[in-house]
Amino acid sequence: LGGFMLRAVYSFGNGSTTPPKDAGRIVGLSGEYRAGPLFA
């Protein structure tokens, strides 16, 4: 997107049927920018 890029993840985790049912769940986001010789 004009040098920008987004990445996102949603992991359902361990799939446990007993509490805590959300164990291992990962939620994440990143933003990247690249212009010529520069990456950030």
PDB file of all heavy atoms in Angstrom:
ATOM      1  N   LEU A   1       0.850  -1.187   0.000  1.00  0.00           N
ATOM      2  CA  LEU A   1       0.000   0.000   0.000  1.00  0.00           C
ATOM      3  C   LEU A   1       0.886   1.237   0.000  1.00  0.00           C
ATOM      4  O   LEU A   1       1.049   1.926   1.003  1.00  0.00           O
ATOM      5  CB  LEU A   1      -0.921  -0.002   1.231  1.00  0.00           C
ATOM      6  CG  LEU A   1      -1.804  -1.249   1.400  1.00  0.00           C
ATOM      7  CD1 LEU A   1      -2.482  -1.244   2.760  1.00  0.00           C
ATOM      8  CD2 LEU A   1      -2.832  -1.307   0.273  1.00  0.00           C
ATOM      9  N   GLY A   2       1.490   1.526  -1.160  1.00  0.00           N
ATOM     10  CA  GLY A   2       2.378   2.684  -1.254  1.00  0.00           C
ATOM     11  C   GLY A   2       3.599   2.563  -0.370  1.00  0.00           C
ATOM     12  O   GLY A   2       4.066   3.566   0.184  1.00  0.00           O
ATOM     13  N   GLY A   3       4.139   1.355  -0.233  1.00  0.00           N
ATOM     14  CA  GLY A   3       5.303   1.119   0.616  1.00  0.00           C
ATOM     15  C   GLY A   3       4.947   0.539   1.970  1.00  0.00           C
ATOM     16  O   GLY A   3       5.822   0.035   2.674  1.00  0.00           O
ATOM     17  N   PHE A   4       3.661   0.617   2.348  1.00  0.00           N
ATOM     18  CA  PHE A   4       3.214   0.078   3.631  1.00  0.00           C
ATOM     19  C   PHE A   4       2.623  -1.322   3.445  1.00  0.00           C
ATOM     20  O   PHE A   4       2.051  -1.636   2.412  1.00  0.00           O
ATOM     21  CB  PHE A   4       2.159   0.986   4.266  1.00  0.00           C
ATOM     22  CG  PHE A   4       2.701   2.284   4.783  1.00  0.00           C
ATOM     23  CD1 PHE A   4       2.694   3.409   3.982  1.00  0.00           C
ATOM     24  CD2 PHE A   4       3.228   2.374   6.067  1.00  0.00           C
ATOM     25  CE1 PHE A   4       3.193   4.618   4.448  1.00  0.00           C
ATOM     26  CE2 PHE A   4       3.739   3.576   6.537  1.00  0.00           C
ATOM     27  CZ  PHE A   4       3.718   4.704   5.729  1.00  0.00           C
ATOM     28  N   MET A   5       2.745  -2.143   4.484  1.00  0.00           N
ATOM     29  CA  MET A   5       2.156  -3.471   4.481  1.00  0.00           C
ATOM     30  C   MET A   5       1.727  -3.828   5.891  1.00  0.00           C
ATOM     31  O   MET A   5       2.431  -3.538   6.862  1.00  0.00           O
ATOM     32  CB  MET A   5       3.154  -4.521   3.977  1.00  0.00           C
ATOM     33  CG  MET A   5       2.579  -5.916   3.876  1.00  0.00           C
ATOM     34  SD  MET A   5       3.767  -7.102   3.186  1.00  0.00           S
ATOM     35  CE  MET A   5       2.751  -8.581   3.107  1.00  0.00           C
ATOM     36  N   LEU A   6       0.553  -4.443   6.002  1.00  0.00           N
ATOM     37  CA  LEU A   6       0.023  -4.882   7.289  1.00  0.00           C
ATOM     38  C   LEU A   6      -0.036  -6.405   7.327  1.00  0.00           C
ATOM     39  O   LEU A   6      -0.313  -7.051   6.313  1.00  0.00           O
ATOM     40  CB  LEU A   6      -1.380  -4.320   7.525  1.00  0.00           C
ATOM     41  CG  LEU A   6      -1.522  -2.808   7.575  1.00  0.00           C
ATOM     42  CD1 LEU A   6      -2.999  -2.416   7.700  1.00  0.00           C
ATOM     43  CD2 LEU A   6      -0.727  -2.223   8.742  1.00  0.00           C
ATOM     44  N   ARG A   7       0.225  -6.979   8.503  1.00  0.00           N
ATOM     45  CA  ARG A   7       0.057  -8.412   8.726  1.00  0.00           C
ATOM     46  C   ARG A   7      -0.712  -8.598  10.034  1.00  0.00           C
ATOM     47  O   ARG A   7      -0.479  -7.871  11.003  1.00  0.00           O
ATOM     48  CB  ARG A   7       1.407  -9.135   8.819  1.00  0.00           C
ATOM     49  CG  ARG A   7       2.309  -8.972   7.602  1.00  0.00           C
ATOM     50  CD  ARG A   7       3.593  -9.778   7.788  1.00  0.00           C
ATOM     51  NE  ARG A   7       4.645  -9.348   6.900  1.00  0.00           N
ATOM     52  CZ  ARG A   7       4.916  -9.913   5.719  1.00  0.00           C
ATOM     53  NH1 ARG A   7       4.186 -10.925   5.307  1.00  0.00           N
ATOM     54  NH2 ARG A   7       5.900  -9.469   4.961  1.00  0.00           N
ATOM     55  N   ALA A   8      -1.627  -9.561  10.046  1.00  0.00           N
ATOM     56  CA  ALA A   8      -2.415  -9.826  11.244  1.00  0.00           C
ATOM     57  C   ALA A   8      -2.582 -11.320  11.427  1.00  0.00           C
ATOM     58  O   ALA A   8      -2.593 -12.082  10.453  1.00  0.00           O
ATOM     59  CB  ALA A   8      -3.781  -9.151  11.143  1.00  0.00           C
ATOM     60  N   VAL A   9      -2.721 -11.767  12.682  1.00  0.00           N
ATOM     61  CA  VAL A   9      -2.916 -13.183  12.974  1.00  0.00           C
ATOM     62  C   VAL A   9      -3.924 -13.341  14.098  1.00  0.00           C
ATOM     63  O   VAL A   9      -3.973 -12.539  15.040  1.00  0.00           O
ATOM     64  CB  VAL A   9      -1.578 -13.858  13.368  1.00  0.00           C
ATOM     65  CG1 VAL A   9      -1.009 -13.260  14.642  1.00  0.00           C
ATOM     66  CG2 VAL A   9      -1.753 -15.363  13.537  1.00  0.00           C
ATOM     67  N   TYR A  10      -4.768 -14.360  13.963  1.00  0.00           N
ATOM     68  CA  TYR A  10      -5.655 -14.777  15.045  1.00  0.00           C
ATOM     69  C   TYR A  10      -5.564 -16.293  15.129  1.00  0.00           C
ATOM     70  O   TYR A  10      -5.962 -16.998  14.198  1.00  0.00           O
ATOM     71  CB  TYR A  10      -7.107 -14.359  14.805  1.00  0.00           C
ATOM     72  CG  TYR A  10      -8.027 -14.750  15.948  1.00  0.00           C
ATOM     73  CD1 TYR A  10      -8.259 -13.867  16.988  1.00  0.00           C
ATOM     74  CD2 TYR A  10      -8.616 -16.008  15.986  1.00  0.00           C
ATOM     75  CE1 TYR A  10      -9.076 -14.219  18.050  1.00  0.00           C
ATOM     76  CE2 TYR A  10      -9.433 -16.382  17.044  1.00  0.00           C
ATOM     77  CZ  TYR A  10      -9.661 -15.484  18.075  1.00  0.00           C
ATOM     78  OH  TYR A  10     -10.462 -15.845  19.136  1.00  0.00           O
ATOM     79  N   SER A  11      -5.001 -16.783  16.236  1.00  0.00           N
ATOM     80  CA  SER A  11      -4.851 -18.217  16.440  1.00  0.00           C
ATOM     81  C   SER A  11      -5.880 -18.679  17.465  1.00  0.00           C
ATOM     82  O   SER A  11      -6.070 -18.038  18.501  1.00  0.00           O
ATOM     83  CB  SER A  11      -3.440 -18.532  16.942  1.00  0.00           C
ATOM     84  OG  SER A  11      -3.359 -19.848  17.438  1.00  0.00           O
ATOM     85  N   PHE A  12      -6.532 -19.809  17.169  1.00  0.00           N
ATOM     86  CA  PHE A  12      -7.543 -20.326  18.080  1.00  0.00           C
ATOM     87  C   PHE A  12      -6.942 -21.074  19.261  1.00  0.00           C
ATOM     88  O   PHE A  12      -7.664 -21.512  20.152  1.00  0.00           O
ATOM     89  CB  PHE A  12      -8.513 -21.232  17.315  1.00  0.00           C
ATOM     90  CG  PHE A  12      -9.422 -20.466  16.404  1.00  0.00           C
ATOM     91  CD1 PHE A  12      -9.019 -20.146  15.112  1.00  0.00           C
ATOM     92  CD2 PHE A  12     -10.662 -20.048  16.830  1.00  0.00           C
ATOM     93  CE1 PHE A  12      -9.840 -19.426  14.266  1.00  0.00           C
ATOM     94  CE2 PHE A  12     -11.496 -19.327  15.992  1.00  0.00           C
ATOM     95  CZ  PHE A  12     -11.092 -19.017  14.702  1.00  0.00           C
ATOM     96  N   GLY A  13      -5.621 -21.236  19.273  1.00  0.00           N
ATOM     97  CA  GLY A  13      -4.948 -21.798  20.432  1.00  0.00           C
ATOM     98  C   GLY A  13      -5.034 -23.300  20.538  1.00  0.00           C
ATOM     99  O   GLY A  13      -5.086 -24.023  19.546  1.00  0.00           O
ATOM    100  N   ASN A  14      -5.116 -23.778  21.780  1.00  0.00           N
ATOM    101  CA  ASN A  14      -5.003 -25.206  22.049  1.00  0.00           C
ATOM    102  C   ASN A  14      -6.294 -25.969  21.817  1.00  0.00           C
ATOM    103  O   ASN A  14      -6.300 -27.202  21.859  1.00  0.00           O
ATOM    104  CB  ASN A  14      -4.540 -25.429  23.497  1.00  0.00           C
ATOM    105  CG  ASN A  14      -3.206 -24.760  23.776  1.00  0.00           C
ATOM    106  OD1 ASN A  14      -2.415 -24.529  22.869  1.00  0.00           O
ATOM    107  ND2 ASN A  14      -2.953 -24.439  25.033  1.00  0.00           N
ATOM    108  N   GLY A  15      -7.398 -25.271  21.628  1.00  0.00           N
ATOM    109  CA  GLY A  15      -8.675 -25.943  21.381  1.00  0.00           C
ATOM    110  C   GLY A  15      -9.187 -26.724  22.569  1.00  0.00           C
ATOM    111  O   GLY A  15      -9.870 -27.747  22.406  1.00  0.00           O
ATOM    112  N   SER A  16      -8.883 -26.283  23.783  1.00  0.00           N
ATOM    113  CA  SER A  16      -9.307 -27.000  24.981  1.00  0.00           C
ATOM    114  C   SER A  16     -10.827 -26.902  25.162  1.00  0.00           C
ATOM    115  O   SER A  16     -11.438 -25.865  24.895  1.00  0.00           O
ATOM    116  CB  SER A  16      -8.607 -26.429  26.216  1.00  0.00           C
ATOM    117  OG  SER A  16      -9.087 -27.031  27.406  1.00  0.00           O
ATOM    118  N   THR A  17     -11.422 -27.993  25.618  1.00  0.00           N
ATOM    119  CA  THR A  17     -12.866 -28.009  25.899  1.00  0.00           C
ATOM    120  C   THR A  17     -13.159 -27.722  27.366  1.00  0.00           C
ATOM    121  O   THR A  17     -14.311 -27.652  27.775  1.00  0.00           O
ATOM    122  CB  THR A  17     -13.466 -29.376  25.522  1.00  0.00           C
ATOM    123  OG1 THR A  17     -12.786 -30.410  26.251  1.00  0.00           O
ATOM    124  CG2 THR A  17     -13.330 -29.621  24.028  1.00  0.00           C
ATOM    125  N   THR A  18     -12.097 -27.577  28.157  1.00  0.00           N
ATOM    126  CA  THR A  18     -12.259 -27.242  29.572  1.00  0.00           C
ATOM    127  C   THR A  18     -11.528 -25.932  29.850  1.00  0.00           C
ATOM    128  O   THR A  18     -10.542 -25.603  29.180  1.00  0.00           O
ATOM    129  CB  THR A  18     -11.687 -28.351  30.468  1.00  0.00           C
ATOM    130  OG1 THR A  18     -10.293 -28.530  30.169  1.00  0.00           O
ATOM    131  CG2 THR A  18     -12.433 -29.654  30.237  1.00  0.00           C
ATOM    132  N   PRO A  19     -11.974 -25.166  30.842  1.00  0.00           N
ATOM    133  CA  PRO A  19     -11.331 -23.885  31.147  1.00  0.00           C
ATOM    134  C   PRO A  19      -9.868 -24.063  31.512  1.00  0.00           C
ATOM    135  O   PRO A  19      -9.504 -25.056  32.158  1.00  0.00           O
ATOM    136  CB  PRO A  19     -12.146 -23.363  32.330  1.00  0.00           C
ATOM    137  CG  PRO A  19     -13.473 -24.045  32.215  1.00  0.00           C
ATOM    138  CD  PRO A  19     -13.157 -25.414  31.692  1.00  0.00           C
ATOM    139  N   PRO A  20      -9.001 -23.136  31.097  1.00  0.00           N
ATOM    140  CA  PRO A  20      -9.337 -21.971  30.251  1.00  0.00           C
ATOM    141  C   PRO A  20      -9.382 -22.353  28.770  1.00  0.00           C
ATOM    142  O   PRO A  20      -8.380 -22.805  28.215  1.00  0.00           O
ATOM    143  CB  PRO A  20      -8.194 -21.002  30.528  1.00  0.00           C
ATOM    144  CG  PRO A  20      -7.022 -21.884  30.875  1.00  0.00           C
ATOM    145  CD  PRO A  20      -7.597 -23.094  31.546  1.00  0.00           C
ATOM    146  N   LYS A  21     -10.514 -22.175  28.146  1.00  0.00           N
ATOM    147  CA  LYS A  21     -10.691 -22.576  26.758  1.00  0.00           C
ATOM    148  C   LYS A  21      -9.911 -21.715  25.781  1.00  0.00           C
ATOM    149  O   LYS A  21      -9.714 -22.100  24.629  1.00  0.00           O
ATOM    150  CB  LYS A  21     -12.179 -22.552  26.399  1.00  0.00           C
ATOM    151  CG  LYS A  21     -13.020 -23.554  27.179  1.00  0.00           C
ATOM    152  CD  LYS A  21     -14.464 -23.527  26.744  1.00  0.00           C
ATOM    153  CE  LYS A  21     -15.286 -24.554  27.521  1.00  0.00           C
ATOM    154  NZ  LYS A  21     -16.713 -24.563  27.097  1.00  0.00           N
ATOM    155  N   ASP A  22      -9.464 -20.542  26.237  1.00  0.00           N
ATOM    156  CA  ASP A  22      -8.706 -19.656  25.350  1.00  0.00           C
ATOM    157  C   ASP A  22      -7.199 -19.833  25.485  1.00  0.00           C
ATOM    158  O   ASP A  22      -6.421 -19.064  24.909  1.00  0.00           O
ATOM    159  CB  ASP A  22      -9.071 -18.193  25.613  1.00  0.00           C
ATOM    160  CG  ASP A  22      -8.747 -17.749  27.042  1.00  0.00           C
ATOM    161  OD1 ASP A  22      -8.333 -18.608  27.863  1.00  0.00           O
ATOM    162  OD2 ASP A  22      -8.904 -16.550  27.349  1.00  0.00           O
ATOM    163  N   ALA A  23      -6.733 -20.839  26.212  1.00  0.00           N
ATOM    164  CA  ALA A  23      -5.291 -21.046  26.402  1.00  0.00           C
ATOM    165  C   ALA A  23      -4.587 -21.233  25.063  1.00  0.00           C
ATOM    166  O   ALA A  23      -5.026 -22.015  24.224  1.00  0.00           O
ATOM    167  CB  ALA A  23      -5.042 -22.250  27.296  1.00  0.00           C
ATOM    168  N   GLY A  24      -3.514 -20.496  24.853  1.00  0.00           N
ATOM    169  CA  GLY A  24      -2.745 -20.587  23.622  1.00  0.00           C
ATOM    170  C   GLY A  24      -3.222 -19.674  22.517  1.00  0.00           C
ATOM    171  O   GLY A  24      -2.572 -19.591  21.465  1.00  0.00           O
ATOM    172  N   ARG A  25      -4.311 -18.976  22.707  1.00  0.00           N
ATOM    173  CA  ARG A  25      -4.822 -18.086  21.654  1.00  0.00           C
ATOM    174  C   ARG A  25      -3.867 -16.920  21.447  1.00  0.00           C
ATOM    175  O   ARG A  25      -3.449 -16.262  22.392  1.00  0.00           O
ATOM    176  CB  ARG A  25      -6.197 -17.545  22.038  1.00  0.00           C
ATOM    177  CG  ARG A  25      -6.862 -16.727  20.929  1.00  0.00           C
ATOM    178  CD  ARG A  25      -8.123 -16.038  21.445  1.00  0.00           C
ATOM    179  NE  ARG A  25      -7.781 -14.982  22.388  1.00  0.00           N
ATOM    180  CZ  ARG A  25      -8.680 -14.400  23.195  1.00  0.00           C
ATOM    181  NH1 ARG A  25      -9.928 -14.826  23.227  1.00  0.00           N
ATOM    182  NH2 ARG A  25      -8.299 -13.431  24.016  1.00  0.00           N
ATOM    183  N   ILE A  26      -3.500 -16.672  20.186  1.00  0.00           N
ATOM    184  CA  ILE A  26      -2.593 -15.573  19.841  1.00  0.00           C
ATOM    185  C   ILE A  26      -3.312 -14.576  18.945  1.00  0.00           C
ATOM    186  O   ILE A  26      -3.973 -14.963  17.977  1.00  0.00           O
ATOM    187  CB  ILE A  26      -1.334 -16.096  19.122  1.00  0.00           C
ATOM    188  CG1 ILE A  26      -0.495 -16.967  20.063  1.00  0.00           C
ATOM    189  CG2 ILE A  26      -0.487 -14.930  18.595  1.00  0.00           C
ATOM    190  CD1 ILE A  26       0.740 -17.570  19.412  1.00  0.00           C
ATOM    191  N   VAL A  27      -3.195 -13.312  19.287  1.00  0.00           N
ATOM    192  CA  VAL A  27      -3.708 -12.223  18.463  1.00  0.00           C
ATOM    193  C   VAL A  27      -2.548 -11.267  18.219  1.00  0.00           C
ATOM    194  O   VAL A  27      -1.840 -10.894  19.172  1.00  0.00           O
ATOM    195  CB  VAL A  27      -4.873 -11.484  19.146  1.00  0.00           C
ATOM    196  CG1 VAL A  27      -5.368 -10.338  18.270  1.00  0.00           C
ATOM    197  CG2 VAL A  27      -6.010 -12.441  19.458  1.00  0.00           C
ATOM    198  N   GLY A  28      -2.311 -10.880  16.975  1.00  0.00           N
ATOM    199  CA  GLY A  28      -1.176 -10.018  16.703  1.00  0.00           C
ATOM    200  C   GLY A  28      -1.315  -9.197  15.443  1.00  0.00           C
ATOM    201  O   GLY A  28      -2.117  -9.510  14.557  1.00  0.00           O
ATOM    202  N   LEU A  29      -0.520  -8.137  15.358  1.00  0.00           N
ATOM    203  CA  LEU A  29      -0.560  -7.206  14.234  1.00  0.00           C
ATOM    204  C   LEU A  29       0.823  -6.603  14.031  1.00  0.00           C
ATOM    205  O   LEU A  29       1.571  -6.396  14.993  1.00  0.00           O
ATOM    206  CB  LEU A  29      -1.569  -6.086  14.525  1.00  0.00           C
ATOM    207  CG  LEU A  29      -1.797  -5.034  13.434  1.00  0.00           C
ATOM    208  CD1 LEU A  29      -2.525  -5.664  12.249  1.00  0.00           C
ATOM    209  CD2 LEU A  29      -2.601  -3.865  13.991  1.00  0.00           C
ATOM    210  N   SER A  30       1.168  -6.353  12.778  1.00  0.00           N
ATOM    211  CA  SER A  30       2.415  -5.644  12.480  1.00  0.00           C
ATOM    212  C   SER A  30       2.185  -4.663  11.354  1.00  0.00           C
ATOM    213  O   SER A  30       1.272  -4.829  10.539  1.00  0.00           O
ATOM    214  CB  SER A  30       3.539  -6.618  12.097  1.00  0.00           C
ATOM    215  OG  SER A  30       3.303  -7.186  10.819  1.00  0.00           O
ATOM    216  N   GLY A  31       3.035  -3.656  11.308  1.00  0.00           N
ATOM    217  CA  GLY A  31       3.056  -2.700  10.209  1.00  0.00           C
ATOM    218  C   GLY A  31       4.470  -2.583   9.692  1.00  0.00           C
ATOM    219  O   GLY A  31       5.426  -2.511  10.481  1.00  0.00           O
ATOM    220  N   GLU A  32       4.622  -2.582   8.367  1.00  0.00           N
ATOM    221  CA  GLU A  32       5.943  -2.505   7.743  1.00  0.00           C
ATOM    222  C   GLU A  32       5.961  -1.398   6.705  1.00  0.00           C
ATOM    223  O   GLU A  32       4.949  -1.122   6.057  1.00  0.00           O
ATOM    224  CB  GLU A  32       6.290  -3.843   7.079  1.00  0.00           C
ATOM    225  CG  GLU A  32       6.243  -5.039   8.010  1.00  0.00           C
ATOM    226  CD  GLU A  32       6.340  -6.359   7.267  1.00  0.00           C
ATOM    227  OE1 GLU A  32       6.724  -6.337   6.072  1.00  0.00           O
ATOM    228  OE2 GLU A  32       6.018  -7.408   7.853  1.00  0.00           O
ATOM    229  N   TYR A  33       7.130  -0.787   6.562  1.00  0.00           N
ATOM    230  CA  TYR A  33       7.292   0.254   5.553  1.00  0.00           C
ATOM    231  C   TYR A  33       8.609   0.030   4.827  1.00  0.00           C
ATOM    232  O   TYR A  33       9.653  -0.186   5.445  1.00  0.00           O
ATOM    233  CB  TYR A  33       7.300   1.645   6.191  1.00  0.00           C
ATOM    234  CG  TYR A  33       7.543   2.759   5.192  1.00  0.00           C
ATOM    235  CD1 TYR A  33       6.571   3.108   4.260  1.00  0.00           C
ATOM    236  CD2 TYR A  33       8.762   3.441   5.177  1.00  0.00           C
ATOM    237  CE1 TYR A  33       6.792   4.122   3.339  1.00  0.00           C
ATOM    238  CE2 TYR A  33       8.992   4.459   4.263  1.00  0.00           C
ATOM    239  CZ  TYR A  33       8.008   4.785   3.345  1.00  0.00           C
ATOM    240  OH  TYR A  33       8.234   5.788   2.417  1.00  0.00           O
ATOM    241  N   ARG A  34       8.550   0.075   3.505  1.00  0.00           N
ATOM    242  CA  ARG A  34       9.752  -0.086   2.693  1.00  0.00           C
ATOM    243  C   ARG A  34       9.760   0.979   1.602  1.00  0.00           C
ATOM    244  O   ARG A  34       8.795   1.127   0.841  1.00  0.00           O
ATOM    245  CB  ARG A  34       9.811  -1.476   2.064  1.00  0.00           C
ATOM    246  CG  ARG A  34      11.114  -1.738   1.303  1.00  0.00           C
ATOM    247  CD  ARG A  34      11.179  -3.156   0.774  1.00  0.00           C
ATOM    248  NE  ARG A  34      11.197  -4.147   1.831  1.00  0.00           N
ATOM    249  CZ  ARG A  34      12.305  -4.488   2.505  1.00  0.00           C
ATOM    250  NH1 ARG A  34      13.460  -3.902   2.229  1.00  0.00           N
ATOM    251  NH2 ARG A  34      12.248  -5.415   3.435  1.00  0.00           N
ATOM    252  N   ALA A  35      10.862   1.718   1.554  1.00  0.00           N
ATOM    253  CA  ALA A  35      11.037   2.744   0.530  1.00  0.00           C
ATOM    254  C   ALA A  35      12.498   2.750   0.110  1.00  0.00           C
ATOM    255  O   ALA A  35      13.365   3.200   0.875  1.00  0.00           O
ATOM    256  CB  ALA A  35      10.627   4.123   1.049  1.00  0.00           C
ATOM    257  N   GLY A  36      12.774   2.216  -1.083  1.00  0.00           N
ATOM    258  CA  GLY A  36      14.155   2.156  -1.557  1.00  0.00           C
ATOM    259  C   GLY A  36      15.017   1.356  -0.604  1.00  0.00           C
ATOM    260  O   GLY A  36      14.716   0.189  -0.308  1.00  0.00           O
ATOM    261  N   PRO A  37      16.086   1.954  -0.060  1.00  0.00           N
ATOM    262  CA  PRO A  37      17.005   1.186   0.794  1.00  0.00           C
ATOM    263  C   PRO A  37      16.527   1.030   2.235  1.00  0.00           C
ATOM    264  O   PRO A  37      17.177   0.356   3.021  1.00  0.00           O
ATOM    265  CB  PRO A  37      18.283   2.031   0.751  1.00  0.00           C
ATOM    266  CG  PRO A  37      17.791   3.434   0.570  1.00  0.00           C
ATOM    267  CD  PRO A  37      16.582   3.317  -0.329  1.00  0.00           C
ATOM    268  N   LEU A  38      15.406   1.640   2.599  1.00  0.00           N
ATOM    269  CA  LEU A  38      14.952   1.648   3.993  1.00  0.00           C
ATOM    270  C   LEU A  38      13.832   0.647   4.229  1.00  0.00           C
ATOM    271  O   LEU A  38      12.855   0.591   3.478  1.00  0.00           O
ATOM    272  CB  LEU A  38      14.457   3.036   4.388  1.00  0.00           C
ATOM    273  CG  LEU A  38      13.803   3.138   5.775  1.00  0.00           C
ATOM    274  CD1 LEU A  38      14.834   2.878   6.877  1.00  0.00           C
ATOM    275  CD2 LEU A  38      13.140   4.503   5.962  1.00  0.00           C
ATOM    276  N   PHE A  39      13.975  -0.144   5.295  1.00  0.00           N
ATOM    277  CA  PHE A  39      12.883  -0.961   5.818  1.00  0.00           C
ATOM    278  C   PHE A  39      12.703  -0.635   7.288  1.00  0.00           C
ATOM    279  O   PHE A  39      13.681  -0.496   8.035  1.00  0.00           O
ATOM    280  CB  PHE A  39      13.165  -2.466   5.688  1.00  0.00           C
ATOM    281  CG  PHE A  39      12.220  -3.299   6.518  1.00  0.00           C
ATOM    282  CD1 PHE A  39      10.960  -3.608   6.032  1.00  0.00           C
ATOM    283  CD2 PHE A  39      12.565  -3.709   7.806  1.00  0.00           C
ATOM    284  CE1 PHE A  39      10.060  -4.335   6.803  1.00  0.00           C
ATOM    285  CE2 PHE A  39      11.674  -4.436   8.582  1.00  0.00           C
ATOM    286  CZ  PHE A  39      10.416  -4.745   8.067  1.00  0.00           C
ATOM    287  N   ALA A  40      11.453  -0.525   7.739  1.00  0.00           N
ATOM    288  CA  ALA A  40      11.145  -0.324   9.150  1.00  0.00           C
ATOM    289  C   ALA A  40       9.831  -1.017   9.457  1.00  0.00           C
ATOM    290  O   ALA A  40       8.901  -1.003   8.643  1.00  0.00           O
ATOM    291  CB  ALA A  40      11.056   1.162   9.494  1.00  0.00           C
TER     292      ALA A  40
END
